[in-house]
Amino acid sequence: IKAKLRFEVITTDDFLAIKETKERNKLAAMKLLILIAYYAYLSKQEYIPIVLTQMLQLTLQHGICNESCIALANSSYLLLQFKDVAGSKRLAELALLLLEKLQAKKYLPRVYAAADRK
C-alpha cells in the first residue's frame, strides 16, 4: 500500500527523472520476481500483490529498469480488480510512459495487455 501511495503522489516528471538502476543484483531480482508473479498467477494468485509490491519498492528504492514497466502495468491491472480505477489509471499511465522512455520493446505486448484499457 505504501508503494501504491508513493506512485499516486509522485509527479510524472519526478517519476521519469528516477535514475535507471545498473545494479546487477537488483536487475536479476526484478527478472526473478517477474517469473514468480507469472507462476503465482497460474497457481497461487494470493501471492501476486506481495510480489508486485516488492517490485514497486525495488523500483522506488534502487531505480527504474525495463522490468519496472511490467510491475507498474500488472499493478495497474490488479488495482482495477479492486475497483481502484484512479489508482489503476495512474499506474497504467506511468507504465506506458516508462515503456516509451526505456524503449523496453521486449515487454511492449505485456505492458499494453495489462495497462492499455481505453
Foldseek 3Di string as FASTA:
>chain_A
DVLLVVLVPDDLVRLVPWAAAPDPVLVVLLVVLVVVLVVCVVPPVVCNVVSLVVLSVSCVPGHDDLSNLLSLLQVLQVVVVVVPPVSSLSSLVSSVVVCVVRVSVVCVVNSCVRRVDD
